[in-house]
Amino acid sequence: MIARLLAVTVVALALGPPTSGVDLEREALVIDAMLVAPCCFSQQVSVHQSDAATEVRRDVRARLAAGQTRQQILDAYVAQYGKRILAEPPAVGFDAALYVVPIVLFLASAGLVVVIVRRFASRAPEPISASANGMTTTATSPEENARLDDELRDLD
């Protein structure tokens, strides 16, 4: 979703300010995706189905037709509803942690995986037991061997 929004924003910036009806609608769709419905603050205006979202969509198109820029429209909505109206908070102050913390956590976990893999790879392999059933064998004295033989004969 964020990648799509970023791609649309880059294309819109490359094309310059909207002048025709198609350009105005394209810019309106970008702005709709950047705002959250003020009725419940749970979905973007572009997908939310409520009277409040419909009103915001109408207002965005009217403001664009009046010549306001994207930033002016966003600033007006932030002034009216606060930063929570934005789908993506600006990377300023504490909100910057939303952009930095995932990257730091990813790098830390990747480093931890590298350390663990290297540690396991550097260990010497344990010797394999020569016994067929997987149990280790120990050397026994001749007296123990004689006693075992006697006990096994008694079982027959």
Protein backbone atom coordinates (compact mmCIF):
# COMPACT_ATOMS: atom_id res chain seq x y z
CA MET A 1 0.00 0.00 0.00
CA ILE A 2 2.77 2.41 0.94
CA ALA A 3 4.77 1.51 -2.16
CA ARG A 4 1.73 2.14 -4.36
CA LEU A 5 1.09 5.48 -2.69
CA LEU A 6 4.74 6.45 -3.10
CA ALA A 7 4.71 5.47 -6.78
CA VAL A 8 1.56 7.50 -7.46
CA THR A 9 3.05 10.47 -5.61
CA VAL A 10 6.29 10.34 -7.61
CA VAL A 11 4.38 10.16 -10.89
CA ALA A 12 2.14 13.03 -9.83
CA LEU A 13 5.15 15.17 -8.91
CA ALA A 14 6.85 14.38 -12.21
CA LEU A 15 3.78 15.45 -14.17
CA GLY A 16 3.61 18.83 -12.40
CA PRO A 17 0.54 20.61 -11.00
CA PRO A 18 -2.83 19.30 -12.19
CA THR A 19 -4.50 21.35 -14.89
CA SER A 20 -7.05 19.18 -16.67
CA GLY A 21 -9.98 17.22 -15.27
CA VAL A 22 -8.10 13.94 -15.54
CA ASP A 23 -5.09 15.40 -13.75
CA LEU A 24 -7.33 16.87 -11.02
CA GLU A 25 -8.99 13.48 -10.48
CA ARG A 26 -5.60 11.71 -10.37
CA GLU A 27 -4.35 14.20 -7.77
CA ALA A 28 -7.60 13.85 -5.83
CA LEU A 29 -7.15 10.07 -5.70
CA VAL A 30 -3.61 10.52 -4.35
CA ILE A 31 -4.85 12.91 -1.65
CA ASP A 32 -7.76 10.57 -0.81
CA ALA A 33 -5.22 7.81 -0.16
CA MET A 34 -3.23 10.11 2.12
CA LEU A 35 -6.18 10.97 4.38
CA VAL A 36 -8.02 8.81 6.91
CA ALA A 37 -11.80 9.00 7.25
CA PRO A 38 -12.56 11.46 10.08
CA CYS A 39 -15.61 9.52 11.28
CA CYS A 40 -13.67 6.59 12.74
CA PHE A 41 -10.00 7.10 11.76
CA SER A 42 -9.75 3.47 10.67
CA GLN A 43 -9.54 3.50 6.85
CA GLN A 44 -8.29 5.75 4.12
CA VAL A 45 -10.82 8.09 2.56
CA SER A 46 -10.23 6.42 -0.81
CA VAL A 47 -11.72 3.10 0.40
CA HIS A 48 -13.96 4.06 3.34
CA GLN A 49 -17.70 3.97 2.75
CA SER A 50 -19.28 6.62 4.96
CA ASP A 51 -20.89 10.01 4.61
CA ALA A 52 -17.85 11.66 6.21
CA ALA A 53 -15.47 10.04 3.71
CA THR A 54 -17.72 11.03 0.81
CA GLU A 55 -17.74 14.61 2.09
CA VAL A 56 -13.94 14.66 2.34
CA ARG A 57 -13.66 13.31 -1.24
CA ARG A 58 -15.98 16.07 -2.47
CA ASP A 59 -14.10 18.72 -0.51
CA VAL A 60 -10.71 17.58 -1.85
CA ARG A 61 -11.96 17.85 -5.43
CA ALA A 62 -13.47 21.29 -4.77
CA ARG A 63 -10.22 22.53 -3.23
CA LEU A 64 -8.20 21.21 -6.18
CA ALA A 65 -10.59 22.88 -8.62
CA ALA A 66 -10.13 26.12 -6.64
CA GLY A 67 -6.37 25.90 -7.24
CA GLN A 68 -5.10 24.65 -3.89
CA THR A 69 -2.04 22.42 -3.88
CA ARG A 70 -1.77 19.02 -2.26
CA GLN A 71 0.21 20.40 0.68
CA GLN A 72 -2.31 23.20 1.27
CA ILE A 73 -5.17 20.68 1.35
CA LEU A 74 -3.30 18.34 3.70
CA ASP A 75 -2.34 21.25 5.96
CA ALA A 76 -5.98 22.36 6.13
CA TYR A 77 -7.11 18.88 7.20
CA VAL A 78 -4.30 18.60 9.76
CA ALA A 79 -5.31 21.99 11.18
CA GLN A 80 -8.94 20.81 11.45
CA TYR A 81 -8.46 17.21 12.70
CA GLY A 82 -4.86 16.93 13.85
CA LYS A 83 -2.10 14.61 12.60
CA ARG A 84 -4.28 11.54 13.02
CA ILE A 85 -6.12 12.47 9.79
CA LEU A 86 -2.97 11.54 7.84
CA ALA A 87 -2.62 7.92 6.73
CA GLU A 88 1.16 8.20 7.18
CA PRO A 89 2.36 10.48 9.95
CA PRO A 90 5.25 12.79 9.04
CA ALA A 91 8.68 11.53 10.06
CA VAL A 92 9.19 14.29 12.62
CA GLY A 93 9.82 13.94 16.34
CA PHE A 94 8.52 10.79 17.99
CA ASP A 95 6.73 9.74 14.77
CA ALA A 96 10.14 9.24 13.16
CA ALA A 97 10.43 6.09 15.29
CA LEU A 98 7.74 4.51 13.08
CA TYR A 99 10.18 4.66 10.20
CA VAL A 100 13.45 3.98 12.04
CA VAL A 101 12.57 1.20 14.53
CA PRO A 102 11.58 -1.46 11.95
CA ILE A 103 14.83 -0.95 10.07
CA VAL A 104 16.89 -1.15 13.27
CA LEU A 105 15.04 -4.29 14.40
CA PHE A 106 15.58 -5.93 11.00
CA LEU A 107 19.30 -5.17 11.02
CA ALA A 108 19.68 -6.37 14.62
CA SER A 109 17.86 -9.64 13.93
CA ALA A 110 19.91 -10.22 10.76
CA GLY A 111 23.10 -9.65 12.77
CA LEU A 112 21.90 -12.07 15.44
CA VAL A 113 21.24 -14.73 12.80
CA VAL A 114 24.74 -14.25 11.37
CA VAL A 115 26.31 -14.59 14.83
CA ILE A 116 24.33 -17.74 15.63
CA VAL A 117 25.11 -19.37 12.27
CA ARG A 118 28.82 -18.61 12.64
CA ARG A 119 28.86 -19.97 16.18
CA PHE A 120 27.23 -23.24 15.15
CA ALA A 121 29.42 -23.54 12.05
CA SER A 122 32.63 -23.09 14.03
CA ARG A 123 31.87 -25.88 16.53
CA ALA A 124 33.81 -29.11 16.05
CA PRO A 125 31.57 -32.04 15.21
CA GLU A 126 31.10 -34.56 18.00
CA PRO A 127 32.57 -38.01 17.39
CA ILE A 128 30.10 -40.65 16.30
CA SER A 129 29.76 -43.73 18.51
CA ALA A 130 31.02 -46.98 17.02
CA SER A 131 28.10 -48.91 18.47
CA ALA A 132 25.41 -50.09 16.06
CA ASN A 133 22.47 -49.18 18.28
CA GLY A 134 23.68 -45.63 19.00
CA MET A 135 24.68 -46.32 22.61
CA THR A 136 28.21 -45.69 23.71
CA THR A 137 30.33 -48.65 24.66
CA THR A 138 32.70 -48.74 27.57
CA ALA A 139 35.62 -51.03 28.26
CA THR A 140 34.83 -53.78 30.76
CA SER A 141 37.17 -55.83 32.89
CA PRO A 142 37.46 -59.62 32.43
CA GLU A 143 35.67 -60.17 35.76
CA GLU A 144 32.68 -58.15 34.58
CA ASN A 145 32.61 -60.06 31.30
CA ALA A 146 32.61 -63.39 33.19
CA ARG A 147 29.79 -62.24 35.45
CA LEU A 148 27.69 -61.13 32.47
CA ASP A 149 28.27 -64.44 30.75
CA ASP A 150 27.11 -66.31 33.89
CA GLU A 151 23.96 -64.19 34.15
CA LEU A 152 23.13 -64.66 30.48
CA ARG A 153 23.57 -68.44 30.81
CA ASP A 154 21.19 -68.44 33.80
CA LEU A 155 18.53 -66.77 31.66
CA ASP A 156 18.56 -69.64 29.17
